[in-house]
N, C-alpha and C. Protein backbone atom coordinates (compact mmCIF):
# COMPACT_ATOMS: atom_id res chain seq x y z
N UNK A 1 -3.26 14.96 -13.85
CA UNK A 1 -3.70 14.13 -12.88
C UNK A 1 -4.96 13.70 -12.51
N UNK A 2 -5.56 14.98 -12.18
CA UNK A 2 -6.75 15.00 -12.05
C UNK A 2 -7.51 14.44 -13.04
N UNK A 3 -7.45 14.61 -14.23
CA UNK A 3 -8.05 13.68 -15.51
C UNK A 3 -7.90 12.47 -15.37
N UNK A 4 -6.66 12.05 -15.29
CA UNK A 4 -6.41 10.44 -15.38
C UNK A 4 -7.36 9.79 -14.18
N UNK A 5 -7.29 10.61 -13.17
CA UNK A 5 -7.98 9.68 -11.78
C UNK A 5 -9.49 9.89 -12.32
N UNK A 6 -9.99 10.95 -12.77
CA UNK A 6 -11.26 10.88 -13.23
C UNK A 6 -11.71 9.96 -14.18
N UNK A 7 -11.35 9.77 -15.04
CA UNK A 7 -11.30 8.74 -16.26
C UNK A 7 -11.32 7.45 -15.46
N UNK A 8 -10.40 7.31 -14.66
CA UNK A 8 -10.28 5.84 -14.09
C UNK A 8 -11.51 5.60 -13.06
N UNK A 9 -12.21 6.63 -12.43
CA UNK A 9 -13.19 6.40 -11.78
C UNK A 9 -14.31 6.43 -12.99
N UNK A 10 -14.71 6.90 -13.67
CA UNK A 10 -15.75 6.77 -14.79
C UNK A 10 -15.32 5.39 -15.53
N UNK A 11 -14.26 4.73 -15.85
CA UNK A 11 -14.10 3.56 -16.84
C UNK A 11 -14.32 2.32 -15.78
N UNK A 12 -13.86 2.13 -14.67
CA UNK A 12 -13.91 1.45 -13.74
C UNK A 12 -14.28 1.39 -12.26
N UNK A 13 -15.35 1.91 -12.10
CA UNK A 13 -15.73 2.60 -10.82
C UNK A 13 -15.91 1.43 -9.54
N UNK A 14 -16.23 0.31 -10.15
CA UNK A 14 -16.32 -0.95 -9.05
C UNK A 14 -14.63 -1.37 -8.67
N UNK A 15 -14.14 -1.54 -9.57
CA UNK A 15 -12.56 -1.81 -9.42
C UNK A 15 -11.82 -0.84 -8.29
N UNK A 16 -12.25 0.22 -8.51
CA UNK A 16 -11.81 1.66 -7.37
C UNK A 16 -12.48 1.28 -6.01
N UNK A 17 -13.61 1.26 -5.94
CA UNK A 17 -14.22 0.96 -5.09
C UNK A 17 -14.04 -0.16 -4.09
N UNK A 18 -13.45 -1.44 -4.57
CA UNK A 18 -13.08 -2.51 -4.09
C UNK A 18 -11.47 -1.79 -3.62
N UNK A 19 -10.60 -1.44 -4.34
CA UNK A 19 -9.25 -1.02 -4.02
C UNK A 19 -9.34 -0.07 -2.80
N UNK A 20 -10.36 0.88 -2.84
CA UNK A 20 -10.40 1.75 -1.70
C UNK A 20 -10.95 1.13 -0.46
N UNK A 21 -11.93 0.26 -0.60
CA UNK A 21 -12.05 -0.66 0.58
C UNK A 21 -10.98 -1.27 1.31
N UNK A 22 -10.19 -1.65 0.50
CA UNK A 22 -9.08 -2.59 0.89
C UNK A 22 -8.02 -1.85 1.50
N UNK A 23 -7.73 -0.51 0.77
CA UNK A 23 -6.92 0.48 1.39
C UNK A 23 -7.45 0.83 2.72
N UNK A 24 -8.71 1.02 2.84
CA UNK A 24 -8.97 1.85 4.25
C UNK A 24 -9.30 0.63 5.34
N UNK A 25 -9.56 -0.58 5.11
CA UNK A 25 -9.62 -1.65 5.97
C UNK A 25 -8.25 -1.80 6.54
N UNK A 26 -7.13 -1.77 5.68
CA UNK A 26 -5.85 -2.24 6.04
C UNK A 26 -4.84 -1.24 6.28
N UNK A 27 -5.15 -0.15 6.24
CA UNK A 27 -4.13 1.22 6.03
C UNK A 27 -3.70 1.19 7.51
N UNK A 28 -4.44 1.46 8.54
CA UNK A 28 -3.88 1.64 9.77
C UNK A 28 -2.98 0.62 10.18
N UNK A 29 -3.74 -0.73 10.32
CA UNK A 29 -2.75 -1.70 10.99
C UNK A 29 -1.52 -1.91 10.31
N UNK A 30 -1.33 -1.59 8.84
CA UNK A 30 -0.46 -1.64 7.85
C UNK A 30 0.53 -0.44 8.65
N UNK A 31 0.02 0.83 8.67
CA UNK A 31 0.76 1.74 9.28
C UNK A 31 1.63 1.58 10.64
N UNK A 32 0.82 1.06 11.37
CA UNK A 32 1.54 0.60 12.74
C UNK A 32 2.55 -0.63 12.92
N UNK A 33 2.16 -1.57 11.97
CA UNK A 33 3.28 -2.53 11.44
C UNK A 33 4.58 -2.09 11.11
N UNK A 34 4.40 -1.06 10.24
CA UNK A 34 5.44 -0.64 9.64
C UNK A 34 6.31 0.37 10.68
N UNK A 35 5.44 1.32 11.17
CA UNK A 35 6.13 2.21 12.37
C UNK A 35 6.80 1.11 13.20
N UNK A 36 6.39 0.16 13.59
CA UNK A 36 7.14 -0.72 14.90
C UNK A 36 8.48 -1.18 13.91
N UNK A 37 8.81 -1.15 12.81
CA UNK A 37 9.87 -1.42 12.28
C UNK A 37 10.72 -0.66 11.73
N UNK A 38 10.08 0.64 11.31
CA UNK A 38 11.00 1.80 10.79
C UNK A 38 11.22 3.12 11.98
N UNK A 39 10.18 2.84 12.76
CA UNK A 39 10.33 3.82 14.04
C UNK A 39 10.06 5.34 13.83
N UNK A 40 9.09 5.43 12.63
CA UNK A 40 8.96 6.80 12.06
C UNK A 40 7.78 6.74 11.44
N UNK A 41 6.51 7.20 11.95
CA UNK A 41 5.01 7.05 11.42
C UNK A 41 5.01 7.91 10.20
N UNK A 42 5.44 8.95 9.82
CA UNK A 42 5.40 9.40 8.61
C UNK A 42 5.99 8.79 7.40
N UNK A 43 7.32 7.93 7.90
CA UNK A 43 7.93 7.06 6.77
C UNK A 43 6.89 5.95 6.53
N UNK A 44 6.25 5.43 7.97
CA UNK A 44 5.40 4.21 7.63
C UNK A 44 4.39 4.44 6.77
N UNK A 45 3.71 5.60 6.89
CA UNK A 45 2.47 6.18 5.96
C UNK A 45 3.15 6.32 4.61
N UNK A 46 3.96 6.39 4.42
CA UNK A 46 4.50 6.84 2.95
C UNK A 46 4.73 5.25 2.56
N UNK A 47 5.40 4.41 3.02
CA UNK A 47 5.75 3.19 2.77
C UNK A 47 4.05 2.47 2.26
N UNK A 48 3.36 2.33 3.17
CA UNK A 48 2.07 1.77 2.88
C UNK A 48 1.47 2.38 1.93
N UNK A 49 1.51 3.90 1.62
CA UNK A 49 0.90 4.36 0.29
C UNK A 49 1.51 3.88 -0.64
N UNK A 50 2.87 4.18 -0.79
CA UNK A 50 3.88 3.72 -1.80
C UNK A 50 3.36 2.08 -2.13
N UNK A 51 2.87 1.26 -1.21
CA UNK A 51 2.65 0.00 -1.52
C UNK A 51 1.41 -0.22 -2.39
N UNK A 52 0.45 0.37 -1.71
CA UNK A 52 -0.80 0.39 -2.41
C UNK A 52 -0.80 1.32 -3.91
N UNK A 53 -0.12 1.89 -4.08
CA UNK A 53 0.15 2.65 -5.46
C UNK A 53 0.97 1.57 -6.41
N UNK A 54 1.57 0.91 -5.80
CA UNK A 54 2.31 0.13 -6.71
C UNK A 54 1.53 -0.91 -7.11
N UNK A 55 0.70 -1.54 -5.88
CA UNK A 55 -0.20 -2.58 -6.29
C UNK A 55 -1.41 -2.00 -7.38
N UNK A 56 -1.78 -1.10 -7.23
CA UNK A 56 -2.88 -0.66 -8.12
C UNK A 56 -2.21 -0.38 -9.37
N UNK A 57 -1.12 0.21 -9.86
CA UNK A 57 -0.45 0.38 -11.01
C UNK A 57 -0.32 -1.13 -11.65
N UNK A 58 -0.01 -1.77 -11.23
CA UNK A 58 0.50 -3.30 -11.64
C UNK A 58 -0.79 -4.10 -11.83
N UNK A 59 -1.98 -3.62 -11.03
CA UNK A 59 -3.08 -4.36 -11.08
C UNK A 59 -3.25 -5.55 -10.45
N UNK A 60 -2.14 -5.90 -9.64
CA UNK A 60 -2.35 -7.01 -8.49
C UNK A 60 -3.08 -6.86 -7.50
N UNK A 61 -3.62 -5.98 -7.16
CA UNK A 61 -4.70 -5.94 -6.04
C UNK A 61 -5.87 -6.58 -6.09
N UNK A 62 -6.44 -7.16 -7.21
CA UNK A 62 -7.53 -7.48 -7.66
C UNK A 62 -7.25 -9.05 -7.82
N UNK A 63 -6.10 -9.48 -8.10
CA UNK A 63 -5.45 -10.76 -8.12
C UNK A 63 -5.42 -11.41 -7.11
N UNK A 64 -4.74 -10.81 -5.86
CA UNK A 64 -4.45 -11.55 -4.58
C UNK A 64 -5.81 -12.08 -3.92
N UNK A 65 -5.33 -13.36 -3.75
CA UNK A 65 -6.45 -14.34 -2.95
C UNK A 65 -6.49 -13.70 -1.52
N UNK A 66 -5.31 -13.95 -0.95
CA UNK A 66 -4.96 -13.72 0.63
C UNK A 66 -4.46 -12.47 0.83
N UNK A 67 -5.40 -11.18 0.98
CA UNK A 67 -4.83 -10.17 0.87
C UNK A 67 -4.04 -9.71 2.05
N UNK A 68 -4.61 -10.09 3.46
CA UNK A 68 -3.83 -9.65 4.58
C UNK A 68 -2.73 -10.01 4.59
N UNK A 69 -2.30 -11.45 4.50
CA UNK A 69 -1.10 -11.80 4.72
C UNK A 69 -0.10 -11.35 3.56
N UNK A 70 -0.48 -11.04 2.38
CA UNK A 70 0.25 -10.55 1.34
C UNK A 70 0.70 -9.41 1.58
N UNK A 71 -0.33 -8.51 2.14
CA UNK A 71 0.14 -7.16 2.70
C UNK A 71 0.81 -6.82 3.81
N UNK A 72 0.92 -7.92 4.65
CA UNK A 72 1.82 -7.59 6.10
C UNK A 72 3.11 -8.02 5.26
N UNK A 73 3.37 -8.87 4.74
CA UNK A 73 4.69 -9.34 4.10
C UNK A 73 5.08 -8.43 3.32
N UNK A 74 4.54 -7.73 2.37
CA UNK A 74 4.84 -6.52 1.49
C UNK A 74 5.31 -5.34 2.28
N UNK A 75 4.69 -5.11 3.34
CA UNK A 75 4.70 -3.99 4.32
C UNK A 75 6.11 -4.35 4.99
N UNK A 76 6.26 -5.43 5.22
CA UNK A 76 7.48 -5.74 6.08
C UNK A 76 8.93 -5.86 5.35
N UNK A 77 8.79 -6.04 3.75
CA UNK A 77 9.78 -6.01 3.07
C UNK A 77 10.18 -4.85 2.71
N UNK A 78 9.14 -4.04 2.59
CA UNK A 78 9.28 -2.46 2.00
C UNK A 78 9.97 -1.66 3.01
N UNK A 79 9.36 -2.01 4.53
CA UNK A 79 10.00 -1.48 5.40
C UNK A 79 11.57 -1.57 5.77
N UNK A 80 11.85 -2.86 5.66
CA UNK A 80 13.29 -3.47 5.78
C UNK A 80 14.16 -2.69 4.67
N UNK A 81 13.66 -2.88 3.47
CA UNK A 81 14.13 -2.33 2.43
C UNK A 81 14.55 -0.69 2.56
N UNK A 82 13.43 -0.06 3.38
CA UNK A 82 13.72 1.36 3.38
C UNK A 82 14.94 1.69 4.63
N UNK A 83 14.98 0.76 5.66
CA UNK A 83 16.12 0.63 6.52
C UNK A 83 17.28 0.42 5.68
N UNK A 84 17.24 -0.61 4.65
CA UNK A 84 18.42 -0.84 4.01
C UNK A 84 19.07 0.55 3.42
N UNK A 85 18.37 1.07 2.69
CA UNK A 85 18.78 2.16 1.98
C UNK A 85 19.41 3.49 2.74
N UNK A 86 18.56 3.48 4.10
CA UNK A 86 19.15 4.49 5.03
C UNK A 86 20.47 4.18 5.92
N UNK A 87 20.81 2.56 5.48
CA UNK A 87 21.78 2.14 6.26
C UNK A 87 21.69 1.77 7.67
N UNK A 88 20.32 1.72 7.88
CA UNK A 88 20.26 1.38 9.65
C UNK A 88 20.39 0.20 9.54
N UNK A 89 20.42 -0.92 8.47
CA UNK A 89 20.82 -2.35 8.75
C UNK A 89 21.99 -2.84 8.43
């Protein structure tokens, strides 16, 4: 796993820097938003982290024009999906 991450950093450092900036810019507000829905800050952090991982793996993070509304909507739906899997809805 460390080799894979190191290889990514070597091959596309600008892409990683942009993704990292987006992550740190929006992470806190997305966690707060998800926490308001799922009522568990640890679960909310997992939801937001998994969202960014999914976007990174599908390489959609670079393609999204309006990142904030997209991330808010995706966080909302991921949080609701979590509640559905736990039969809270």
